[in-house]
All heavy atoms as atom14 arrays in JSON, in Angstrom:
{
  "sequence": "PLLQVEDLVKHYRLPRERLLAAPPVVQALQGVSLQLQRAR",
  "atom14_mask": [
    [1, 1, 1, 1, 1, 1, 1, 0, 0, 0, 0, 0, 0, 0],
    [1, 1, 1, 1, 1, 1, 1, 1, 0, 0, 0, 0, 0, 0],
    [1, 1, 1, 1, 1, 1, 1, 1, 0, 0, 0, 0, 0, 0],
    [1, 1, 1, 1, 1, 1, 1, 1, 1, 0, 0, 0, 0, 0],
    [1, 1, 1, 1, 1, 1, 1, 0, 0, 0, 0, 0, 0, 0],
    [1, 1, 1, 1, 1, 1, 1, 1, 1, 0, 0, 0, 0, 0],
    [1, 1, 1, 1, 1, 1, 1, 1, 0, 0, 0, 0, 0, 0],
    [1, 1, 1, 1, 1, 1, 1, 1, 0, 0, 0, 0, 0, 0],
    [1, 1, 1, 1, 1, 1, 1, 0, 0, 0, 0, 0, 0, 0],
    [1, 1, 1, 1, 1, 1, 1, 1, 1, 0, 0, 0, 0, 0],
    [1, 1, 1, 1, 1, 1, 1, 1, 1, 1, 0, 0, 0, 0],
    [1, 1, 1, 1, 1, 1, 1, 1, 1, 1, 1, 1, 0, 0],
    [1, 1, 1, 1, 1, 1, 1, 1, 1, 1, 1, 0, 0, 0],
    [1, 1, 1, 1, 1, 1, 1, 1, 0, 0, 0, 0, 0, 0],
    [1, 1, 1, 1, 1, 1, 1, 0, 0, 0, 0, 0, 0, 0],
    [1, 1, 1, 1, 1, 1, 1, 1, 1, 1, 1, 0, 0, 0],
    [1, 1, 1, 1, 1, 1, 1, 1, 1, 0, 0, 0, 0, 0],
    [1, 1, 1, 1, 1, 1, 1, 1, 1, 1, 1, 0, 0, 0],
    [1, 1, 1, 1, 1, 1, 1, 1, 0, 0, 0, 0, 0, 0],
    [1, 1, 1, 1, 1, 1, 1, 1, 0, 0, 0, 0, 0, 0],
    [1, 1, 1, 1, 1, 0, 0, 0, 0, 0, 0, 0, 0, 0],
    [1, 1, 1, 1, 1, 0, 0, 0, 0, 0, 0, 0, 0, 0],
    [1, 1, 1, 1, 1, 1, 1, 0, 0, 0, 0, 0, 0, 0],
    [1, 1, 1, 1, 1, 1, 1, 0, 0, 0, 0, 0, 0, 0],
    [1, 1, 1, 1, 1, 1, 1, 0, 0, 0, 0, 0, 0, 0],
    [1, 1, 1, 1, 1, 1, 1, 0, 0, 0, 0, 0, 0, 0],
    [1, 1, 1, 1, 1, 1, 1, 1, 1, 0, 0, 0, 0, 0],
    [1, 1, 1, 1, 1, 0, 0, 0, 0, 0, 0, 0, 0, 0],
    [1, 1, 1, 1, 1, 1, 1, 1, 0, 0, 0, 0, 0, 0],
    [1, 1, 1, 1, 1, 1, 1, 1, 1, 0, 0, 0, 0, 0],
    [1, 1, 1, 1, 0, 0, 0, 0, 0, 0, 0, 0, 0, 0],
    [1, 1, 1, 1, 1, 1, 1, 0, 0, 0, 0, 0, 0, 0],
    [1, 1, 1, 1, 1, 1, 0, 0, 0, 0, 0, 0, 0, 0],
    [1, 1, 1, 1, 1, 1, 1, 1, 0, 0, 0, 0, 0, 0],
    [1, 1, 1, 1, 1, 1, 1, 1, 1, 0, 0, 0, 0, 0],
    [1, 1, 1, 1, 1, 1, 1, 1, 0, 0, 0, 0, 0, 0],
    [1, 1, 1, 1, 1, 1, 1, 1, 1, 0, 0, 0, 0, 0],
    [1, 1, 1, 1, 1, 1, 1, 1, 1, 1, 1, 0, 0, 0],
    [1, 1, 1, 1, 1, 0, 0, 0, 0, 0, 0, 0, 0, 0],
    [1, 1, 1, 1, 1, 1, 1, 1, 1, 1, 1, 0, 0, 0]
  ],
  "atom14_positions": [
    [[41.57, -30.12, -20.52], [41.06, -31.46, -20.85], [39.71, -31.7, -20.19], [39.44, -31.22, -19.07], [42.13, -32.4, -20.31], [43.37, -31.56, -20.21], [42.9, -30.18, -19.9], [0.0, 0.0, 0.0], [0.0, 0.0, 0.0], [0.0, 0.0, 0.0], [0.0, 0.0, 0.0], [0.0, 0.0, 0.0], [0.0, 0.0, 0.0], [0.0, 0.0, 0.0]],
    [[38.86, -32.45, -20.86], [37.56, -32.79, -20.27], [37.76, -33.6, -19.0], [37.13, -33.36, -17.97], [36.72, -33.57, -21.28], [35.38, -34.08, -20.76], [34.47, -32.93, -20.37], [34.72, -34.98, -21.8], [0.0, 0.0, 0.0], [0.0, 0.0, 0.0], [0.0, 0.0, 0.0], [0.0, 0.0, 0.0], [0.0, 0.0, 0.0], [0.0, 0.0, 0.0]],
    [[38.65, -34.6, -19.07], [38.92, -35.46, -17.92], [40.4, -35.39, -17.58], [41.25, -35.55, -18.45], [38.53, -36.9, -18.23], [38.87, -37.94, -17.15], [38.03, -37.72, -15.9], [38.68, -39.36, -17.68], [0.0, 0.0, 0.0], [0.0, 0.0, 0.0], [0.0, 0.0, 0.0], [0.0, 0.0, 0.0], [0.0, 0.0, 0.0], [0.0, 0.0, 0.0]],
    [[40.7, -35.14, -16.3], [42.07, -35.17, -15.79], [42.12, -36.07, -14.56], [41.37, -35.84, -13.61], [42.57, -33.77, -15.42], [42.74, -32.81, -16.58], [43.08, -31.42, -16.1], [42.21, -30.61, -15.8], [44.38, -31.14, -16.02], [0.0, 0.0, 0.0], [0.0, 0.0, 0.0], [0.0, 0.0, 0.0], [0.0, 0.0, 0.0], [0.0, 0.0, 0.0]],
    [[42.97, -37.06, -14.61], [43.21, -37.94, -13.47], [44.62, -37.65, -12.99], [45.58, -37.8, -13.75], [43.04, -39.42, -13.85], [43.46, -40.33, -12.71], [41.59, -39.7, -14.25], [0.0, 0.0, 0.0], [0.0, 0.0, 0.0], [0.0, 0.0, 0.0], [0.0, 0.0, 0.0], [0.0, 0.0, 0.0], [0.0, 0.0, 0.0], [0.0, 0.0, 0.0]],
    [[44.75, -37.23, -11.73], [46.04, -36.79, -11.22], [46.48, -37.65, -10.04], [45.84, -37.64, -8.98], [45.96, -35.32, -10.79], [45.61, -34.36, -11.92], [45.53, -32.92, -11.46], [45.55, -32.68, -10.23], [45.45, -32.02, -12.32], [0.0, 0.0, 0.0], [0.0, 0.0, 0.0], [0.0, 0.0, 0.0], [0.0, 0.0, 0.0], [0.0, 0.0, 0.0]],
    [[47.56, -38.4, -10.22], [48.19, -39.19, -9.15], [47.18, -39.98, -8.34], [47.18, -39.96, -7.1], [48.99, -38.26, -8.22], [50.12, -37.56, -8.96], [50.75, -38.21, -9.81], [50.36, -36.36, -8.7], [0.0, 0.0, 0.0], [0.0, 0.0, 0.0], [0.0, 0.0, 0.0], [0.0, 0.0, 0.0], [0.0, 0.0, 0.0], [0.0, 0.0, 0.0]],
    [[46.33, -40.7, -9.03], [45.23, -41.41, -8.37], [45.73, -42.66, -7.66], [46.42, -43.5, -8.25], [44.16, -41.78, -9.4], [42.73, -41.92, -8.9], [42.27, -40.64, -8.22], [41.8, -42.28, -10.04], [0.0, 0.0, 0.0], [0.0, 0.0, 0.0], [0.0, 0.0, 0.0], [0.0, 0.0, 0.0], [0.0, 0.0, 0.0], [0.0, 0.0, 0.0]],
    [[45.38, -42.77, -6.39], [45.78, -43.91, -5.56], [44.52, -44.49, -4.92], [43.65, -43.75, -4.45], [46.76, -43.47, -4.45], [47.08, -44.63, -3.5], [48.04, -42.91, -5.07], [0.0, 0.0, 0.0], [0.0, 0.0, 0.0], [0.0, 0.0, 0.0], [0.0, 0.0, 0.0], [0.0, 0.0, 0.0], [0.0, 0.0, 0.0], [0.0, 0.0, 0.0]],
    [[44.42, -45.81, -4.92], [43.31, -46.46, -4.23], [43.81, -47.72, -3.55], [44.37, -48.62, -4.19], [42.2, -46.83, -5.23], [40.99, -47.5, -4.57], [40.31, -46.59, -3.56], [39.09, -47.25, -2.95], [38.44, -46.37, -1.93], [0.0, 0.0, 0.0], [0.0, 0.0, 0.0], [0.0, 0.0, 0.0], [0.0, 0.0, 0.0], [0.0, 0.0, 0.0]],
    [[43.62, -47.78, -2.22], [43.99, -48.94, -1.43], [42.72, -49.55, -0.82], [41.82, -48.82, -0.4], [44.94, -48.55, -0.28], [46.26, -48.03, -0.79], [47.13, -47.33, 0.02], [46.86, -48.1, -2.0], [48.2, -46.98, -0.69], [48.06, -47.45, -1.91], [0.0, 0.0, 0.0], [0.0, 0.0, 0.0], [0.0, 0.0, 0.0], [0.0, 0.0, 0.0]],
    [[42.66, -50.85, -0.78], [41.55, -51.56, -0.14], [42.09, -52.37, 1.04], [43.1, -53.08, 0.91], [40.88, -52.52, -1.13], [40.15, -51.85, -2.26], [40.74, -51.76, -3.52], [38.89, -51.31, -2.09], [40.08, -51.15, -4.58], [38.21, -50.7, -3.14], [38.82, -50.63, -4.37], [38.16, -50.02, -5.42], [0.0, 0.0, 0.0], [0.0, 0.0, 0.0]],
    [[41.42, -52.27, 2.16], [41.78, -53.08, 3.33], [40.96, -54.37, 3.3], [39.75, -54.34, 3.18], [41.52, -52.32, 4.62], [42.46, -51.13, 4.82], [42.32, -50.53, 6.21], [43.25, -49.43, 6.4], [44.51, -49.56, 6.75], [45.0, -50.77, 6.99], [45.29, -48.51, 6.9], [0.0, 0.0, 0.0], [0.0, 0.0, 0.0], [0.0, 0.0, 0.0]],
    [[41.65, -55.49, 3.44], [41.0, -56.8, 3.45], [40.72, -57.23, 4.89], [41.26, -56.66, 5.85], [41.9, -57.82, 2.76], [42.26, -57.51, 1.3], [43.13, -58.63, 0.75], [41.02, -57.33, 0.46], [0.0, 0.0, 0.0], [0.0, 0.0, 0.0], [0.0, 0.0, 0.0], [0.0, 0.0, 0.0], [0.0, 0.0, 0.0], [0.0, 0.0, 0.0]],
    [[39.86, -58.23, 5.08], [39.61, -58.73, 6.44], [40.89, -59.25, 7.08], [41.78, -59.79, 6.42], [38.6, -59.88, 6.2], [37.96, -59.55, 4.91], [39.01, -58.87, 4.08], [0.0, 0.0, 0.0], [0.0, 0.0, 0.0], [0.0, 0.0, 0.0], [0.0, 0.0, 0.0], [0.0, 0.0, 0.0], [0.0, 0.0, 0.0], [0.0, 0.0, 0.0]],
    [[40.97, -59.09, 8.39], [42.15, -59.58, 9.13], [42.26, -61.09, 9.03], [41.26, -61.8, 9.11], [42.04, -59.2, 10.61], [41.98, -57.7, 10.87], [41.71, -57.45, 12.35], [41.5, -56.04, 12.62], [42.47, -55.19, 12.95], [43.7, -55.64, 13.07], [42.19, -53.92, 13.18], [0.0, 0.0, 0.0], [0.0, 0.0, 0.0], [0.0, 0.0, 0.0]],
    [[43.48, -61.55, 8.85], [43.71, -63.0, 8.82], [43.76, -63.58, 10.23], [43.43, -64.74, 10.44], [45.0, -63.29, 8.07], [44.96, -62.86, 6.61], [46.27, -63.1, 5.9], [47.26, -63.48, 6.59], [46.33, -62.91, 4.67], [0.0, 0.0, 0.0], [0.0, 0.0, 0.0], [0.0, 0.0, 0.0], [0.0, 0.0, 0.0], [0.0, 0.0, 0.0]],
    [[44.21, -62.77, 11.21], [44.23, -63.17, 12.61], [43.7, -62.01, 13.44], [43.73, -60.85, 13.01], [45.65, -63.55, 13.07], [46.24, -64.74, 12.31], [47.59, -65.15, 12.88], [48.53, -64.03, 12.89], [49.27, -63.67, 11.86], [49.16, -64.32, 10.71], [50.11, -62.66, 11.94], [0.0, 0.0, 0.0], [0.0, 0.0, 0.0], [0.0, 0.0, 0.0]],
    [[43.27, -62.3, 14.65], [42.59, -61.3, 15.47], [43.43, -60.06, 15.7], [42.95, -58.94, 15.57], [42.2, -61.93, 16.82], [41.48, -60.99, 17.79], [40.18, -60.49, 17.21], [41.25, -61.69, 19.14], [0.0, 0.0, 0.0], [0.0, 0.0, 0.0], [0.0, 0.0, 0.0], [0.0, 0.0, 0.0], [0.0, 0.0, 0.0], [0.0, 0.0, 0.0]],
    [[44.7, -60.21, 16.03], [45.55, -59.07, 16.38], [46.45, -58.62, 15.23], [47.26, -57.72, 15.4], [46.4, -59.41, 17.61], [45.63, -59.77, 18.87], [46.58, -60.1, 20.02], [44.69, -58.63, 19.28], [0.0, 0.0, 0.0], [0.0, 0.0, 0.0], [0.0, 0.0, 0.0], [0.0, 0.0, 0.0], [0.0, 0.0, 0.0], [0.0, 0.0, 0.0]],
    [[46.31, -59.25, 14.09], [47.15, -58.89, 12.94], [46.61, -57.64, 12.25], [45.41, -57.35, 12.31], [47.21, -60.05, 11.95], [0.0, 0.0, 0.0], [0.0, 0.0, 0.0], [0.0, 0.0, 0.0], [0.0, 0.0, 0.0], [0.0, 0.0, 0.0], [0.0, 0.0, 0.0], [0.0, 0.0, 0.0], [0.0, 0.0, 0.0], [0.0, 0.0, 0.0]],
    [[47.5, -56.89, 11.63], [47.07, -55.74, 10.85], [46.33, -56.22, 9.6], [46.71, -57.24, 9.0], [48.28, -54.9, 10.44], [0.0, 0.0, 0.0], [0.0, 0.0, 0.0], [0.0, 0.0, 0.0], [0.0, 0.0, 0.0], [0.0, 0.0, 0.0], [0.0, 0.0, 0.0], [0.0, 0.0, 0.0], [0.0, 0.0, 0.0], [0.0, 0.0, 0.0]],
    [[45.27, -55.54, 9.19], [44.54, -55.99, 7.99], [45.41, -55.83, 6.74], [46.09, -54.81, 6.58], [43.33, -55.04, 7.95], [43.74, -53.85, 8.75], [44.68, -54.35, 9.8], [0.0, 0.0, 0.0], [0.0, 0.0, 0.0], [0.0, 0.0, 0.0], [0.0, 0.0, 0.0], [0.0, 0.0, 0.0], [0.0, 0.0, 0.0], [0.0, 0.0, 0.0]],
    [[45.42, -56.83, 5.87], [46.19, -56.69, 4.64], [45.62, -55.58, 3.76], [44.43, -55.29, 3.81], [46.06, -58.05, 3.96], [45.21, -58.89, 4.82], [44.73, -58.1, 5.96], [0.0, 0.0, 0.0], [0.0, 0.0, 0.0], [0.0, 0.0, 0.0], [0.0, 0.0, 0.0], [0.0, 0.0, 0.0], [0.0, 0.0, 0.0], [0.0, 0.0, 0.0]],
    [[46.48, -54.97, 2.96], [46.09, -53.86, 2.09], [46.4, -54.22, 0.64], [47.5, -54.67, 0.33], [46.83, -52.56, 2.47], [46.51, -51.44, 1.49], [46.46, -52.13, 3.89], [0.0, 0.0, 0.0], [0.0, 0.0, 0.0], [0.0, 0.0, 0.0], [0.0, 0.0, 0.0], [0.0, 0.0, 0.0], [0.0, 0.0, 0.0], [0.0, 0.0, 0.0]],
    [[45.4, -54.04, -0.23], [45.58, -54.23, -1.66], [45.75, -52.86, -2.3], [44.9, -51.98, -2.14], [44.38, -54.96, -2.3], [44.52, -54.99, -3.82], [44.26, -56.36, -1.75], [0.0, 0.0, 0.0], [0.0, 0.0, 0.0], [0.0, 0.0, 0.0], [0.0, 0.0, 0.0], [0.0, 0.0, 0.0], [0.0, 0.0, 0.0], [0.0, 0.0, 0.0]],
    [[46.85, -52.66, -3.0], [47.12, -51.39, -3.66], [46.62, -51.48, -5.1], [47.35, -51.84, -6.02], [48.61, -51.07, -3.6], [49.13, -50.95, -2.17], [50.62, -50.66, -2.11], [51.29, -50.61, -3.14], [51.13, -50.45, -0.92], [0.0, 0.0, 0.0], [0.0, 0.0, 0.0], [0.0, 0.0, 0.0], [0.0, 0.0, 0.0], [0.0, 0.0, 0.0]],
    [[45.35, -51.13, -5.3], [44.71, -51.3, -6.61], [45.22, -50.29, -7.63], [45.43, -50.63, -8.79], [43.19, -51.18, -6.47], [0.0, 0.0, 0.0], [0.0, 0.0, 0.0], [0.0, 0.0, 0.0], [0.0, 0.0, 0.0], [0.0, 0.0, 0.0], [0.0, 0.0, 0.0], [0.0, 0.0, 0.0], [0.0, 0.0, 0.0], [0.0, 0.0, 0.0]],
    [[45.43, -49.05, -7.21], [46.0, -48.01, -8.07], [47.12, -47.33, -7.32], [46.98, -47.03, -6.12], [44.94, -46.98, -8.48], [43.81, -47.44, -9.39], [42.83, -46.31, -9.65], [44.35, -47.98, -10.72], [0.0, 0.0, 0.0], [0.0, 0.0, 0.0], [0.0, 0.0, 0.0], [0.0, 0.0, 0.0], [0.0, 0.0, 0.0], [0.0, 0.0, 0.0]],
    [[48.23, -47.05, -8.03], [49.4, -46.48, -7.37], [49.94, -45.28, -8.16], [50.99, -45.35, -8.77], [50.5, -47.55, -7.24], [50.06, -48.8, -6.5], [51.19, -49.78, -6.32], [52.18, -49.5, -5.64], [51.08, -50.93, -6.94], [0.0, 0.0, 0.0], [0.0, 0.0, 0.0], [0.0, 0.0, 0.0], [0.0, 0.0, 0.0], [0.0, 0.0, 0.0]],
    [[49.18, -44.21, -8.15], [49.66, -42.99, -8.78], [49.38, -42.9, -10.28], [50.28, -42.59, -11.06], [0.0, 0.0, 0.0], [0.0, 0.0, 0.0], [0.0, 0.0, 0.0], [0.0, 0.0, 0.0], [0.0, 0.0, 0.0], [0.0, 0.0, 0.0], [0.0, 0.0, 0.0], [0.0, 0.0, 0.0], [0.0, 0.0, 0.0], [0.0, 0.0, 0.0]],
    [[48.15, -43.15, -10.69], [47.78, -43.12, -12.1], [47.4, -41.69, -12.5], [46.6, -41.03, -11.83], [46.6, -44.06, -12.38], [46.04, -43.85, -13.8], [47.03, -45.51, -12.18], [0.0, 0.0, 0.0], [0.0, 0.0, 0.0], [0.0, 0.0, 0.0], [0.0, 0.0, 0.0], [0.0, 0.0, 0.0], [0.0, 0.0, 0.0], [0.0, 0.0, 0.0]],
    [[47.97, -41.21, -13.6], [47.65, -39.89, -14.14], [47.38, -40.03, -15.63], [48.13, -40.71, -16.35], [48.81, -38.9, -13.93], [49.06, -38.68, -12.56], [0.0, 0.0, 0.0], [0.0, 0.0, 0.0], [0.0, 0.0, 0.0], [0.0, 0.0, 0.0], [0.0, 0.0, 0.0], [0.0, 0.0, 0.0], [0.0, 0.0, 0.0], [0.0, 0.0, 0.0]],
    [[46.31, -39.39, -16.1], [45.99, -39.4, -17.53], [45.06, -38.23, -17.84], [44.49, -37.62, -16.94], [45.36, -40.73, -17.94], [44.13, -41.24, -17.17], [42.83, -40.64, -17.71], [44.07, -42.76, -17.23], [0.0, 0.0, 0.0], [0.0, 0.0, 0.0], [0.0, 0.0, 0.0], [0.0, 0.0, 0.0], [0.0, 0.0, 0.0], [0.0, 0.0, 0.0]],
    [[44.94, -37.94, -19.13], [44.07, -36.87, -19.6], [43.27, -37.36, -20.79], [43.73, -38.21, -21.56], [44.87, -35.63, -20.0], [45.6, -34.94, -18.86], [46.3, -33.66, -19.31], [46.33, -33.35, -20.51], [46.85, -32.92, -18.37], [0.0, 0.0, 0.0], [0.0, 0.0, 0.0], [0.0, 0.0, 0.0], [0.0, 0.0, 0.0], [0.0, 0.0, 0.0]],
    [[42.07, -36.8, -20.94], [41.22, -37.13, -22.08], [40.55, -35.85, -22.57], [39.85, -35.18, -21.8], [40.17, -38.17, -21.69], [39.16, -38.58, -22.75], [39.87, -39.14, -23.98], [38.18, -39.6, -22.18], [0.0, 0.0, 0.0], [0.0, 0.0, 0.0], [0.0, 0.0, 0.0], [0.0, 0.0, 0.0], [0.0, 0.0, 0.0], [0.0, 0.0, 0.0]],
    [[40.8, -35.51, -23.82], [40.2, -34.31, -24.41], [38.78, -34.6, -24.89], [38.39, -35.75, -25.09], [41.05, -33.83, -25.59], [42.48, -33.45, -25.24], [42.59, -32.16, -24.45], [41.62, -31.4, -24.34], [43.77, -31.89, -23.9], [0.0, 0.0, 0.0], [0.0, 0.0, 0.0], [0.0, 0.0, 0.0], [0.0, 0.0, 0.0], [0.0, 0.0, 0.0]],
    [[38.03, -33.55, -25.1], [36.67, -33.69, -25.62], [36.69, -34.38, -26.98], [37.55, -34.14, -27.8], [36.01, -32.31, -25.75], [35.64, -31.68, -24.4], [35.25, -30.24, -24.54], [34.73, -29.7, -23.29], [35.47, -29.3, -22.27], [36.79, -29.37, -22.36], [34.92, -28.83, -21.18], [0.0, 0.0, 0.0], [0.0, 0.0, 0.0], [0.0, 0.0, 0.0]],
    [[35.69, -35.24, -27.19], [35.47, -35.94, -28.46], [36.61, -36.9, -28.82], [36.71, -37.34, -29.96], [35.25, -34.95, -29.6], [0.0, 0.0, 0.0], [0.0, 0.0, 0.0], [0.0, 0.0, 0.0], [0.0, 0.0, 0.0], [0.0, 0.0, 0.0], [0.0, 0.0, 0.0], [0.0, 0.0, 0.0], [0.0, 0.0, 0.0], [0.0, 0.0, 0.0]],
    [[37.44, -37.27, -27.85], [38.53, -38.23, -28.09], [38.25, -39.51, -27.31], [37.39, -39.55, -26.42], [39.87, -37.64, -27.66], [40.23, -36.34, -28.34], [40.65, -36.56, -29.78], [41.97, -37.19, -29.85], [42.54, -37.57, -31.0], [41.91, -37.39, -32.14], [43.74, -38.11, -31.0], [0.0, 0.0, 0.0], [0.0, 0.0, 0.0], [0.0, 0.0, 0.0]]
  ]
}
């Protein structure tokens, strides 16, 4: 395939809500896989 996306994960860390708190995490992609052939 021209394009192969395999188990793609992307997390973003947000600013801390409190000084000692762990930064919140946004799970934008959670294991996306796809294929795209040429000219499709």
